[in-house]
Amino acid sequence: ATRFAEFSSYRRGSVRPSPLPFLDEEYFQHVDVLSSVLEAANASSRPSLSVVELGAGEDAPWTSKALAAWRRVRPLAPCEFAAVEPFPERFNKLPLWLRDNGVTRCRAMVTNHTVGHDQDGENVGIAELLTSFGKIDYLDLDIQGSELEAVMHSRKFLKERVRRLHIGTHSRFIHHALRRLLEADGWKVVWSFAPFSYSKTPFGRVAFLDGVLTVVSTD
């Protein structure tokens, strides 16, 4: 929401300088992505990075950012990613975007599955999609209201495989239900800002349209 306010001056023909990234709900995704990359880079003598983006859109922004950062800190180390986008008009642009952004050297899974119930009414869970993945350093979940169902059906998989989980939440009920569920499973909450709120954060007050819920593994 904050970045829309920042750009309002363009309608009046003026430009107001502002630092990047903007301090809005996506700021916390930037922090999460870079934290995951640095943690993976320093995790062992043979570092590797594994990133999953569910609801990747046409340009997989968080996968792209994570892999760009990885190339800076570990240019020769292995990496893998999954970019999942159910809508055909977005999915069809995704492979070209990833190719143009130089991420083709990583082991890749690019698919248009729906997480939750697909058009035939069949449940496609996170665990079923990601069976070929071992440990996942960063999982970004932005599936437009299906996040509670998806997490509820994948609790064991997430706890065993994922180090950092970032969820975009799309109602206050979903947000608080997910936080209670994840805390009960032993996750540590890093960020918790409900949707449709103007919340106090460590960086100042921020307007949230989508909510932000980030947890990290304690195992």
Protein backbone atom coordinates (compact mmCIF):
# COMPACT_ATOMS: atom_id res chain seq x y z
CA ALA A 1 0.00 0.00 0.00
CA THR A 2 2.82 2.41 0.83
CA ARG A 3 4.40 2.22 -2.61
CA PHE A 4 1.08 3.20 -4.23
CA ALA A 5 1.07 6.34 -2.10
CA GLU A 6 4.67 7.04 -3.07
CA PHE A 7 3.76 6.93 -6.76
CA SER A 8 0.70 9.20 -6.42
CA SER A 9 2.85 12.22 -7.22
CA TYR A 10 3.27 10.94 -10.79
CA ARG A 11 -0.37 11.82 -11.47
CA ARG A 12 0.48 15.43 -10.70
CA GLY A 13 3.51 15.39 -12.97
CA SER A 14 6.09 15.43 -10.18
CA VAL A 15 8.55 12.94 -8.74
CA ARG A 16 9.25 12.63 -5.05
CA PRO A 17 12.58 10.93 -4.23
CA SER A 18 12.22 7.88 -2.03
CA PRO A 19 14.59 5.13 -0.86
CA LEU A 20 14.30 1.66 -2.35
CA PRO A 21 12.90 -0.78 -1.52
CA PHE A 22 9.78 1.05 -0.38
CA LEU A 23 8.76 0.56 3.22
CA ASP A 24 5.56 -1.38 2.59
CA GLU A 25 4.39 -4.97 3.01
CA GLU A 26 6.95 -6.21 0.48
CA TYR A 27 9.82 -4.74 2.48
CA PHE A 28 9.57 -7.73 4.81
CA GLN A 29 9.86 -10.14 1.88
CA HIS A 30 13.11 -8.43 0.88
CA VAL A 31 14.42 -8.95 4.42
CA ASP A 32 13.28 -12.59 4.43
CA VAL A 33 14.82 -13.38 1.05
CA LEU A 34 18.18 -11.84 1.87
CA SER A 35 18.23 -13.44 5.34
CA SER A 36 17.60 -16.86 3.80
CA VAL A 37 20.34 -16.38 1.23
CA LEU A 38 22.92 -15.34 3.83
CA GLU A 39 21.94 -18.17 6.16
CA ALA A 40 22.29 -20.70 3.33
CA ALA A 41 25.60 -19.21 2.21
CA ASN A 42 27.10 -19.65 5.68
CA ALA A 43 25.37 -22.89 6.66
CA SER A 44 28.10 -25.38 5.71
CA SER A 45 31.35 -25.93 3.86
CA ARG A 46 29.32 -26.93 0.76
CA PRO A 47 26.56 -24.33 0.62
CA SER A 48 23.52 -24.58 -1.63
CA LEU A 49 20.27 -22.66 -1.96
CA SER A 50 16.72 -23.97 -2.36
CA VAL A 51 13.85 -21.54 -2.99
CA VAL A 52 10.15 -22.16 -3.65
CA GLU A 53 7.60 -19.55 -4.74
CA LEU A 54 3.94 -20.61 -4.76
CA GLY A 55 1.96 -17.94 -6.56
CA ALA A 56 4.91 -16.80 -8.66
CA GLY A 57 3.02 -14.61 -11.14
CA GLU A 58 4.63 -13.94 -14.50
CA ASP A 59 8.05 -12.96 -13.16
CA ALA A 60 8.67 -14.96 -9.95
CA PRO A 61 9.95 -11.82 -8.18
CA TRP A 62 11.14 -13.44 -4.96
CA THR A 63 12.77 -16.37 -6.69
CA SER A 64 14.55 -13.93 -9.03
CA LYS A 65 15.75 -11.77 -6.13
CA ALA A 66 16.93 -14.74 -4.11
CA LEU A 67 18.91 -16.21 -6.99
CA ALA A 68 20.41 -12.83 -7.93
CA ALA A 69 21.61 -12.43 -4.34
CA TRP A 70 22.93 -16.00 -4.37
CA ARG A 71 25.02 -15.27 -7.46
CA ARG A 72 26.60 -12.38 -5.58
CA VAL A 73 27.57 -14.29 -2.44
CA ARG A 74 28.10 -17.83 -3.84
CA PRO A 75 28.52 -17.52 -7.63
CA LEU A 76 29.65 -21.12 -8.14
CA ALA A 77 27.51 -22.88 -5.56
CA PRO A 78 24.51 -25.03 -6.58
CA CYS A 79 20.94 -23.82 -6.39
CA GLU A 80 17.43 -25.06 -7.08
CA PHE A 81 14.02 -23.46 -7.24
CA ALA A 82 10.36 -24.10 -7.87
CA ALA A 83 8.12 -21.42 -9.38
CA VAL A 84 4.43 -22.34 -9.29
CA GLU A 85 1.74 -20.21 -10.98
CA PRO A 86 -1.76 -21.55 -11.78
CA PHE A 87 -3.05 -18.83 -14.10
CA PRO A 88 -2.13 -19.63 -17.74
CA GLU A 89 -1.73 -16.03 -18.92
CA ARG A 90 0.90 -15.48 -16.21
CA PHE A 91 2.47 -18.91 -16.31
CA ASN A 92 3.11 -18.71 -20.06
CA LYS A 93 5.43 -15.72 -19.50
CA LEU A 94 7.28 -17.25 -16.58
CA PRO A 95 9.88 -19.49 -18.33
CA LEU A 96 10.99 -16.60 -20.59
CA TRP A 97 11.37 -14.26 -17.62
CA LEU A 98 13.45 -16.76 -15.71
CA ARG A 99 15.65 -17.42 -18.75
CA ASP A 100 16.21 -13.71 -19.35
CA ASN A 101 17.19 -13.24 -15.71
CA GLY A 102 19.92 -15.83 -15.88
CA VAL A 103 18.57 -18.46 -13.51
CA THR A 104 18.67 -21.37 -15.93
CA ARG A 105 21.82 -22.87 -14.39
CA CYS A 106 19.87 -23.80 -11.24
CA ARG A 107 17.88 -27.02 -11.01
CA ALA A 108 14.38 -25.80 -11.79
CA MET A 109 10.76 -26.79 -11.51
CA VAL A 110 8.31 -24.44 -13.25
CA THR A 111 4.70 -25.59 -13.16
CA ASN A 112 1.14 -24.30 -13.36
CA HIS A 113 -0.37 -26.49 -10.66
CA THR A 114 -2.91 -25.01 -8.27
CA VAL A 115 -2.10 -25.35 -4.59
CA GLY A 116 -5.38 -26.33 -2.97
CA HIS A 117 -8.28 -27.43 -5.13
CA ASP A 118 -7.72 -27.36 -8.88
CA GLN A 119 -10.41 -26.90 -11.53
CA ASP A 120 -11.30 -30.61 -11.35
CA GLY A 121 -11.78 -30.44 -7.60
CA GLU A 122 -8.63 -32.44 -6.86
CA ASN A 123 -6.42 -31.41 -3.97
CA VAL A 124 -2.83 -30.61 -4.96
CA GLY A 125 -0.84 -30.19 -1.77
CA ILE A 126 2.50 -28.54 -1.11
CA ALA A 127 4.04 -31.88 -0.17
CA GLU A 128 2.85 -33.51 -3.40
CA LEU A 129 4.27 -30.69 -5.50
CA LEU A 130 7.65 -30.62 -3.80
CA THR A 131 8.44 -34.29 -3.25
CA SER A 132 11.73 -33.95 -5.18
CA PHE A 133 13.00 -31.19 -2.86
CA GLY A 134 15.09 -31.80 0.24
CA LYS A 135 15.62 -28.92 2.63
CA ILE A 136 14.03 -25.67 1.42
CA ASP A 137 15.74 -22.49 2.60
CA TYR A 138 12.90 -20.13 1.67
CA LEU A 139 9.28 -20.84 0.78
CA ASP A 140 7.11 -17.91 -0.33
CA LEU A 141 3.37 -18.60 -0.23
CA ASP A 142 1.00 -16.10 -1.90
CA ILE A 143 -2.06 -18.06 -3.04
CA GLN A 144 -4.88 -15.55 -2.62
CA GLY A 145 -6.93 -16.92 0.25
CA SER A 146 -6.03 -20.63 0.02
CA GLU A 147 -3.07 -20.33 2.38
CA LEU A 148 -4.77 -21.73 5.49
CA GLU A 149 -5.98 -24.86 3.70
CA ALA A 150 -2.60 -25.38 2.04
CA VAL A 151 -0.66 -25.11 5.29
CA MET A 152 -3.12 -27.26 7.26
CA HIS A 153 -2.68 -30.12 4.76
CA SER A 154 1.14 -29.83 4.73
CA ARG A 155 2.13 -29.26 8.36
CA LYS A 156 4.44 -32.25 8.68
CA PHE A 157 6.16 -31.61 5.35
CA LEU A 158 6.72 -27.93 6.13
CA LYS A 159 8.12 -28.64 9.58
CA GLU A 160 10.54 -31.26 8.25
CA ARG A 161 11.69 -29.51 5.08
CA VAL A 162 11.38 -25.70 5.33
CA ARG A 163 13.74 -23.34 7.15
CA ARG A 164 11.90 -20.05 6.53
CA LEU A 165 8.25 -19.68 5.49
CA HIS A 166 6.79 -16.37 4.32
CA ILE A 167 3.00 -16.23 3.89
CA GLY A 168 0.93 -13.46 2.34
CA THR A 169 -2.37 -13.59 4.24
CA HIS A 170 -5.68 -12.44 2.79
CA SER A 171 -8.04 -12.14 5.75
CA ARG A 172 -7.61 -11.47 9.44
CA PHE A 173 -9.22 -14.79 10.30
CA ILE A 174 -6.72 -16.65 8.09
CA HIS A 175 -3.80 -14.67 9.46
CA HIS A 176 -4.51 -15.33 13.13
CA ALA A 177 -5.52 -18.95 12.53
CA LEU A 178 -2.23 -19.57 10.70
CA ARG A 179 -0.19 -17.93 13.43
CA ARG A 180 -1.81 -20.09 16.12
CA LEU A 181 -1.33 -23.23 14.01
CA LEU A 182 2.33 -22.57 13.23
CA GLU A 183 3.20 -21.61 16.79
CA ALA A 184 1.55 -24.83 17.99
CA ASP A 185 3.83 -26.72 15.60
CA GLY A 186 6.92 -25.11 17.12
CA TRP A 187 7.77 -22.42 14.56
CA LYS A 188 9.28 -19.11 15.69
CA VAL A 189 7.36 -16.05 14.47
CA VAL A 190 9.57 -13.39 12.86
CA TRP A 191 6.92 -11.08 11.37
CA SER A 192 3.18 -10.99 12.03
CA PHE A 193 1.22 -8.08 10.55
CA ALA A 194 -2.46 -8.63 9.79
CA PRO A 195 -3.99 -7.62 6.43
CA PHE A 196 -5.91 -4.35 6.12
CA SER A 197 -3.94 -2.82 8.98
CA TYR A 198 -1.68 0.12 9.73
CA SER A 199 0.82 -1.63 11.93
CA LYS A 200 3.76 -0.64 14.05
CA THR A 201 6.95 -2.37 12.81
CA PRO A 202 10.65 -2.13 13.74
CA PHE A 203 11.02 0.24 10.77
CA GLY A 204 8.05 2.50 11.51
CA ARG A 205 4.33 2.26 10.82
CA VAL A 206 3.38 0.46 7.60
CA ALA A 207 0.08 0.06 5.76
CA PHE A 208 -0.69 -3.58 4.92
CA LEU A 209 -3.23 -4.69 2.31
CA ASP A 210 -2.06 -8.30 2.30
CA GLY A 211 -0.88 -9.53 5.66
CA VAL A 212 2.67 -10.70 6.35
CA LEU A 213 3.39 -13.79 8.43
CA THR A 214 6.95 -15.14 8.51
CA VAL A 215 8.14 -18.04 10.64
CA VAL A 216 11.45 -19.87 10.92
CA SER A 217 12.21 -23.42 11.93
CA THR A 218 13.49 -24.04 15.44
CA ASP A 219 14.80 -27.52 14.61
